[in-house]
Amino acid sequence: MGITDRIILTLYTFLMAVVAILLVLGSLGVIPHQAILNFIATIPGNWEYAVGGVILLLVSIRLLLAGIGVFGVNTLTLSEADGGKTLVSKRALEDYIADIAQEVYGIYNVKVVVKMEEDVINARINASLEPGVNVYEVTSEVKTNIKETIKKVIGKDVKEIEVFFKQIKGTGNNNG
């Protein structure tokens, strides 16, 4: 999901939270039933509610399609000739980059998310570190290895690599 989809999803979630609160308050009798019926009676004939409903439907469809990956690029075209195309899948790139990253000493439990747009590859690496390794050196080595290997094997540059360490193992020395 892009930033636009995330903003729309946030607003949509806020709207659904308000609707849920109104439903709870109505069902508990905090909001009088007559007030709810009066509101519902004003809906027929008001084009504003119809426009709001159509917008809500379109946003729902957009979020559904974005959520299942319809708008994302799932394959990267490596070459295209008269005889056909050479493609690599997003999943294959993610698995391959994870393998490359795990070859670096001190890094383990690697998960990769790749974003591809046309000829641009960006990667986010979520991993854990062994105790006693230098975070900066490991990060630098991972980025260098990935960029060099992907360029050599696939022929495309990795534009941006973000490394996120979710855990750094302790040394196991518990004094006390």
C-alpha atoms as a PDB file:
ATOM      1  CA  MET A   1       0.000   0.000   0.000  1.00  0.00           C
ATOM      2  CA  GLY A   2       1.199   3.448  -0.875  1.00  0.00           C
ATOM      3  CA  ILE A   3       1.024   6.512   1.338  1.00  0.00           C
ATOM      4  CA  THR A   4      -2.252   7.629  -0.284  1.00  0.00           C
ATOM      5  CA  ASP A   5      -3.859   4.284   0.512  1.00  0.00           C
ATOM      6  CA  ARG A   6      -2.620   4.479   4.091  1.00  0.00           C
ATOM      7  CA  ILE A   7      -4.110   7.948   4.549  1.00  0.00           C
ATOM      8  CA  ILE A   8      -7.427   6.817   3.049  1.00  0.00           C
ATOM      9  CA  LEU A   9      -7.371   3.715   5.263  1.00  0.00           C
ATOM     10  CA  THR A  10      -6.768   5.858   8.360  1.00  0.00           C
ATOM     11  CA  LEU A  11      -9.689   8.162   7.526  1.00  0.00           C
ATOM     12  CA  TYR A  12     -11.877   5.187   6.660  1.00  0.00           C
ATOM     13  CA  THR A  13     -11.009   3.476   9.946  1.00  0.00           C
ATOM     14  CA  PHE A  14     -11.820   6.664  11.860  1.00  0.00           C
ATOM     15  CA  LEU A  15     -15.199   6.891  10.088  1.00  0.00           C
ATOM     16  CA  MET A  16     -15.985   3.254  10.881  1.00  0.00           C
ATOM     17  CA  ALA A  17     -15.044   3.849  14.550  1.00  0.00           C
ATOM     18  CA  VAL A  18     -17.514   6.754  14.703  1.00  0.00           C
ATOM     19  CA  VAL A  19     -20.232   4.579  13.142  1.00  0.00           C
ATOM     20  CA  ALA A  20     -19.462   1.796  15.642  1.00  0.00           C
ATOM     21  CA  ILE A  21     -19.685   4.229  18.571  1.00  0.00           C
ATOM     22  CA  LEU A  22     -23.029   5.557  17.307  1.00  0.00           C
ATOM     23  CA  LEU A  23     -24.338   1.994  16.952  1.00  0.00           C
ATOM     24  CA  VAL A  24     -23.296   1.137  20.504  1.00  0.00           C
ATOM     25  CA  LEU A  25     -24.782   4.339  21.915  1.00  0.00           C
ATOM     26  CA  GLY A  26     -28.013   3.763  19.976  1.00  0.00           C
ATOM     27  CA  SER A  27     -28.330   0.164  21.106  1.00  0.00           C
ATOM     28  CA  LEU A  28     -27.739   1.124  24.755  1.00  0.00           C
ATOM     29  CA  GLY A  29     -30.390   3.834  24.579  1.00  0.00           C
ATOM     30  CA  VAL A  30     -27.960   6.727  25.134  1.00  0.00           C
ATOM     31  CA  ILE A  31     -29.094   8.139  21.800  1.00  0.00           C
ATOM     32  CA  PRO A  32     -32.919   8.129  21.738  1.00  0.00           C
ATOM     33  CA  HIS A  33     -34.483   5.799  19.179  1.00  0.00           C
ATOM     34  CA  GLN A  34     -36.684   8.635  17.930  1.00  0.00           C
ATOM     35  CA  ALA A  35     -33.577  10.681  17.034  1.00  0.00           C
ATOM     36  CA  ILE A  36     -32.229   7.766  14.998  1.00  0.00           C
ATOM     37  CA  LEU A  37     -35.570   7.296  13.232  1.00  0.00           C
ATOM     38  CA  ASN A  38     -35.775  11.023  12.495  1.00  0.00           C
ATOM     39  CA  PHE A  39     -32.300  10.921  10.952  1.00  0.00           C
ATOM     40  CA  ILE A  40     -33.157   7.881   8.836  1.00  0.00           C
ATOM     41  CA  ALA A  41     -36.364   9.588   7.675  1.00  0.00           C
ATOM     42  CA  THR A  42     -34.311  12.486   6.243  1.00  0.00           C
ATOM     43  CA  ILE A  43     -32.193  10.229   4.003  1.00  0.00           C
ATOM     44  CA  PRO A  44     -34.694   9.640   1.129  1.00  0.00           C
ATOM     45  CA  GLY A  45     -34.572  12.513  -1.324  1.00  0.00           C
ATOM     46  CA  ASN A  46     -31.247  13.971  -0.086  1.00  0.00           C
ATOM     47  CA  TRP A  47     -28.666  13.598  -2.851  1.00  0.00           C
ATOM     48  CA  GLU A  48     -25.872  14.421  -0.383  1.00  0.00           C
ATOM     49  CA  TYR A  49     -26.358  11.070   1.340  1.00  0.00           C
ATOM     50  CA  ALA A  50     -26.317   9.291  -2.033  1.00  0.00           C
ATOM     51  CA  VAL A  51     -23.023  10.998  -2.973  1.00  0.00           C
ATOM     52  CA  GLY A  52     -21.571  10.105   0.427  1.00  0.00           C
ATOM     53  CA  GLY A  53     -22.659   6.499  -0.026  1.00  0.00           C
ATOM     54  CA  VAL A  54     -21.095   6.280  -3.495  1.00  0.00           C
ATOM     55  CA  ILE A  55     -17.830   7.776  -2.196  1.00  0.00           C
ATOM     56  CA  LEU A  56     -17.807   5.316   0.700  1.00  0.00           C
ATOM     57  CA  LEU A  57     -18.433   2.423  -1.709  1.00  0.00           C
ATOM     58  CA  LEU A  58     -15.599   3.531  -4.031  1.00  0.00           C
ATOM     59  CA  VAL A  59     -13.189   3.953  -1.117  1.00  0.00           C
ATOM     60  CA  SER A  60     -14.140   0.486   0.146  1.00  0.00           C
ATOM     61  CA  ILE A  61     -13.493  -1.065  -3.266  1.00  0.00           C
ATOM     62  CA  ARG A  62     -10.171   0.802  -3.590  1.00  0.00           C
ATOM     63  CA  LEU A  63      -8.986  -0.381  -0.180  1.00  0.00           C
ATOM     64  CA  LEU A  64     -10.092  -3.941  -0.913  1.00  0.00           C
ATOM     65  CA  LEU A  65      -8.173  -4.016  -4.199  1.00  0.00           C
ATOM     66  CA  ALA A  66      -5.092  -2.388  -2.647  1.00  0.00           C
ATOM     67  CA  GLY A  67      -5.221  -4.885   0.212  1.00  0.00           C
ATOM     68  CA  ILE A  68      -5.135  -7.901  -2.098  1.00  0.00           C
ATOM     69  CA  GLY A  69      -2.311  -6.402  -4.150  1.00  0.00           C
ATOM     70  CA  VAL A  70      -4.086  -5.547  -7.391  1.00  0.00           C
ATOM     71  CA  PHE A  71      -2.286  -2.212  -7.650  1.00  0.00           C
ATOM     72  CA  GLY A  72       1.142  -3.479  -6.650  1.00  0.00           C
ATOM     73  CA  VAL A  73       3.785  -4.732  -9.070  1.00  0.00           C
ATOM     74  CA  ASN A  74       4.283  -8.437  -8.436  1.00  0.00           C
ATOM     75  CA  THR A  75       6.778  -9.161 -11.205  1.00  0.00           C
ATOM     76  CA  LEU A  76       9.825  -7.403 -12.550  1.00  0.00           C
ATOM     77  CA  THR A  77      10.591  -7.628 -16.266  1.00  0.00           C
ATOM     78  CA  LEU A  78      14.266  -8.403 -16.765  1.00  0.00           C
ATOM     79  CA  SER A  79      14.227  -8.552 -20.539  1.00  0.00           C
ATOM     80  CA  GLU A  80      11.764  -8.416 -23.372  1.00  0.00           C
ATOM     81  CA  ALA A  81      12.458  -9.657 -26.876  1.00  0.00           C
ATOM     82  CA  ASP A  82      10.627 -11.072 -29.867  1.00  0.00           C
ATOM     83  CA  GLY A  83      10.837 -14.531 -28.335  1.00  0.00           C
ATOM     84  CA  GLY A  84       9.185 -13.531 -25.062  1.00  0.00           C
ATOM     85  CA  LYS A  85       9.863 -12.035 -21.669  1.00  0.00           C
ATOM     86  CA  THR A  86      12.060 -12.866 -18.719  1.00  0.00           C
ATOM     87  CA  LEU A  87      10.309 -12.069 -15.441  1.00  0.00           C
ATOM     88  CA  VAL A  88      11.168 -12.463 -11.779  1.00  0.00           C
ATOM     89  CA  SER A  89       8.492 -12.501  -9.093  1.00  0.00           C
ATOM     90  CA  LYS A  90       8.396 -10.311  -6.025  1.00  0.00           C
ATOM     91  CA  ARG A  91       8.391 -13.415  -3.835  1.00  0.00           C
ATOM     92  CA  ALA A  92      11.498 -14.803  -5.556  1.00  0.00           C
ATOM     93  CA  LEU A  93      13.342 -11.517  -4.975  1.00  0.00           C
ATOM     94  CA  GLU A  94      12.278 -11.437  -1.314  1.00  0.00           C
ATOM     95  CA  ASP A  95      13.497 -14.998  -0.723  1.00  0.00           C
ATOM     96  CA  TYR A  96      16.767 -14.390  -2.585  1.00  0.00           C
ATOM     97  CA  ILE A  97      17.518 -11.146  -0.715  1.00  0.00           C
ATOM     98  CA  ALA A  98      16.782 -12.911   2.585  1.00  0.00           C
ATOM     99  CA  ASP A  99      19.298 -15.621   1.659  1.00  0.00           C
ATOM    100  CA  ILE A 100      21.920 -13.004   0.765  1.00  0.00           C
ATOM    101  CA  ALA A 101      21.371 -11.141   4.044  1.00  0.00           C
ATOM    102  CA  GLN A 102      21.629 -14.316   6.150  1.00  0.00           C
ATOM    103  CA  GLU A 103      25.083 -15.016   4.691  1.00  0.00           C
ATOM    104  CA  VAL A 104      26.440 -12.099   6.748  1.00  0.00           C
ATOM    105  CA  TYR A 105      27.819 -13.192  10.123  1.00  0.00           C
ATOM    106  CA  GLY A 106      25.655 -12.114  13.057  1.00  0.00           C
ATOM    107  CA  ILE A 107      22.334 -11.736  11.280  1.00  0.00           C
ATOM    108  CA  TYR A 108      19.518 -14.279  11.435  1.00  0.00           C
ATOM    109  CA  ASN A 109      15.744 -14.684  11.200  1.00  0.00           C
ATOM    110  CA  VAL A 110      15.572 -12.498   8.096  1.00  0.00           C
ATOM    111  CA  LYS A 111      12.299 -11.477   6.467  1.00  0.00           C
ATOM    112  CA  VAL A 112      12.263  -9.206   3.419  1.00  0.00           C
ATOM    113  CA  VAL A 113       9.597  -7.044   1.827  1.00  0.00           C
ATOM    114  CA  VAL A 114      10.363  -5.849  -1.692  1.00  0.00           C
ATOM    115  CA  LYS A 115       8.662  -2.967  -3.460  1.00  0.00           C
ATOM    116  CA  MET A 116       9.044  -2.830  -7.221  1.00  0.00           C
ATOM    117  CA  GLU A 117       8.067  -0.011  -9.540  1.00  0.00           C
ATOM    118  CA  GLU A 118       9.058  -0.397 -13.181  1.00  0.00           C
ATOM    119  CA  ASP A 119      12.866  -0.811 -12.952  1.00  0.00           C
ATOM    120  CA  VAL A 120      13.211   0.269  -9.306  1.00  0.00           C
ATOM    121  CA  ILE A 121      13.755  -2.242  -6.507  1.00  0.00           C
ATOM    122  CA  ASN A 122      13.473  -1.177  -2.865  1.00  0.00           C
ATOM    123  CA  ALA A 123      13.827  -3.608   0.038  1.00  0.00           C
ATOM    124  CA  ARG A 124      12.983  -3.568   3.733  1.00  0.00           C
ATOM    125  CA  ILE A 125      14.822  -6.167   5.751  1.00  0.00           C
ATOM    126  CA  ASN A 126      13.497  -7.230   9.152  1.00  0.00           C
ATOM    127  CA  ALA A 127      16.065  -9.289  11.033  1.00  0.00           C
ATOM    128  CA  SER A 128      17.639 -10.152  14.360  1.00  0.00           C
ATOM    129  CA  LEU A 129      21.257  -9.811  15.474  1.00  0.00           C
ATOM    130  CA  GLU A 130      23.597 -12.058  17.401  1.00  0.00           C
ATOM    131  CA  PRO A 131      25.213 -10.553  20.502  1.00  0.00           C
ATOM    132  CA  GLY A 132      28.477  -8.653  20.190  1.00  0.00           C
ATOM    133  CA  VAL A 133      28.257  -7.707  16.510  1.00  0.00           C
ATOM    134  CA  ASN A 134      28.617  -4.136  15.330  1.00  0.00           C
ATOM    135  CA  VAL A 135      25.224  -2.995  14.023  1.00  0.00           C
ATOM    136  CA  TYR A 136      26.732  -0.450  11.617  1.00  0.00           C
ATOM    137  CA  GLU A 137      29.208  -2.951  10.110  1.00  0.00           C
ATOM    138  CA  VAL A 138      26.567  -5.678   9.718  1.00  0.00           C
ATOM    139  CA  THR A 139      24.111  -3.226   8.137  1.00  0.00           C
ATOM    140  CA  SER A 140      26.752  -1.906   5.745  1.00  0.00           C
ATOM    141  CA  GLU A 141      27.840  -5.418   4.737  1.00  0.00           C
ATOM    142  CA  VAL A 142      24.246  -6.566   4.201  1.00  0.00           C
ATOM    143  CA  LYS A 143      23.452  -3.563   2.001  1.00  0.00           C
ATOM    144  CA  THR A 144      26.666  -3.934  -0.030  1.00  0.00           C
ATOM    145  CA  ASN A 145      26.190  -7.687  -0.548  1.00  0.00           C
ATOM    146  CA  ILE A 146      22.572  -7.268  -1.619  1.00  0.00           C
ATOM    147  CA  LYS A 147      23.263  -4.413  -4.043  1.00  0.00           C
ATOM    148  CA  GLU A 148      26.247  -6.177  -5.646  1.00  0.00           C
ATOM    149  CA  THR A 149      24.602  -9.601  -5.881  1.00  0.00           C
ATOM    150  CA  ILE A 150      21.278  -8.356  -7.257  1.00  0.00           C
ATOM    151  CA  LYS A 151      23.097  -6.190  -9.830  1.00  0.00           C
ATOM    152  CA  LYS A 152      25.245  -9.163 -10.889  1.00  0.00           C
ATOM    153  CA  VAL A 153      22.470 -11.792 -10.959  1.00  0.00           C
ATOM    154  CA  ILE A 154      19.420  -9.810 -12.083  1.00  0.00           C
ATOM    155  CA  GLY A 155      21.025  -6.821 -13.770  1.00  0.00           C
ATOM    156  CA  LYS A 156      18.965  -4.263 -11.847  1.00  0.00           C
ATOM    157  CA  ASP A 157      19.996  -1.795  -9.166  1.00  0.00           C
ATOM    158  CA  VAL A 158      18.516  -1.906  -5.695  1.00  0.00           C
ATOM    159  CA  LYS A 159      17.765   1.751  -5.034  1.00  0.00           C
ATOM    160  CA  GLU A 160      17.026   1.689  -1.317  1.00  0.00           C
ATOM    161  CA  ILE A 161      17.574  -0.880   1.408  1.00  0.00           C
ATOM    162  CA  GLU A 162      16.102  -0.302   4.853  1.00  0.00           C
ATOM    163  CA  VAL A 163      17.352  -2.614   7.603  1.00  0.00           C
ATOM    164  CA  PHE A 164      15.225  -2.982  10.732  1.00  0.00           C
ATOM    165  CA  PHE A 165      16.530  -5.039  13.645  1.00  0.00           C
ATOM    166  CA  LYS A 166      13.664  -6.324  15.731  1.00  0.00           C
ATOM    167  CA  GLN A 167      15.870  -8.152  18.223  1.00  0.00           C
ATOM    168  CA  ILE A 168      19.463  -8.126  19.395  1.00  0.00           C
ATOM    169  CA  LYS A 169      20.229 -11.291  21.328  1.00  0.00           C
ATOM    170  CA  GLY A 170      21.613 -10.868  24.800  1.00  0.00           C
ATOM    171  CA  THR A 171      24.915 -12.470  25.749  1.00  0.00           C
ATOM    172  CA  GLY A 172      23.203 -14.757  28.229  1.00  0.00           C
ATOM    173  CA  ASN A 173      25.296 -13.593  31.168  1.00  0.00           C
ATOM    174  CA  ASN A 174      22.843 -12.994  33.983  1.00  0.00           C
ATOM    175  CA  ASN A 175      24.705 -11.911  37.098  1.00  0.00           C
ATOM    176  CA  GLY A 176      22.629 -11.753  40.187  1.00  0.00           C
END
